[in-house]
């Protein structure tokens, strides 16, 4: 028997034995209860609900999903769903539902970004943007004009967001980011850094003011629509597309500067990431 099949059977057994308090109590048909799903993901979940047994639906942080129906066994459906999900993401996929039951474990979901790098492994990590990489040491400014190195924020979890006021999806996401900022206002272990791209800082601030959003911004240093570079601590210029394939793009970086999560495009429900962010603030950086 292959290792993946044994693993799936172990997961299903654990979920069966878990007390009701540990497993999310959402009803199977509560489509809006599935974490991080956009419209396409919700449509796919509806297809899963209509599929014949045996069936399974798997999800990962960021809204990736995979499902399988009409399988010979629950174990087979679960294994195929997890594989379909995992092939699309660097994040860890977990089962959300099998057959007629929600098997989602919300406490395990909160720890999806584990295991976190320790000090030694973080020092050895390559520089880059993939999960497990040490993110580029960018240089930017705060609202007072003070220069900041991203590495100065070690010891905090950083939510690093690249956006522009010229970008409609970026504009639509701003209210969600404000909700997140307000929810995290009492946490000293996490820092939101919103950096404008391809425009000057004054333009981005005016856009925020027009929407009457009290969002804290940082200045990437870009000057106009033709300026497509970001600055590293050593003065090197880095093309913004090397960091963000689309705008907006967001990274979550742990207390050692290691990439935990990235998302290309707008996130429709940032508050849904609070359990993962809180786990990272509590447990990363050891």
Foldseek 3Di string as FASTA:
>chain_A
DDPLLVVLVVLVVVLVPDDPVQADPDFLPPLVVPPQADPVLSVVSVVQVVAAPFKWKKAFPNHFIFMDHPDPDQSVRQSRRQVRRVVVDPWHMDTQDTDRDGSHGVLVRLCRLDDADELVQLVVADEAADFFHQDFFFWWFFPVRDIDTPQVLQQAKEKEKEAALVDVLRLVQVVLVLVVCVVCVPPPRYYYEYEYAADFPVRVVVSCVVVPRPDGYIYQPAHHNVRQWGAGPVGDTDGVCRNAVAPTKIFIAANSRGTRDIYHTHRPHVVSSVSNNVCRSVNYHD
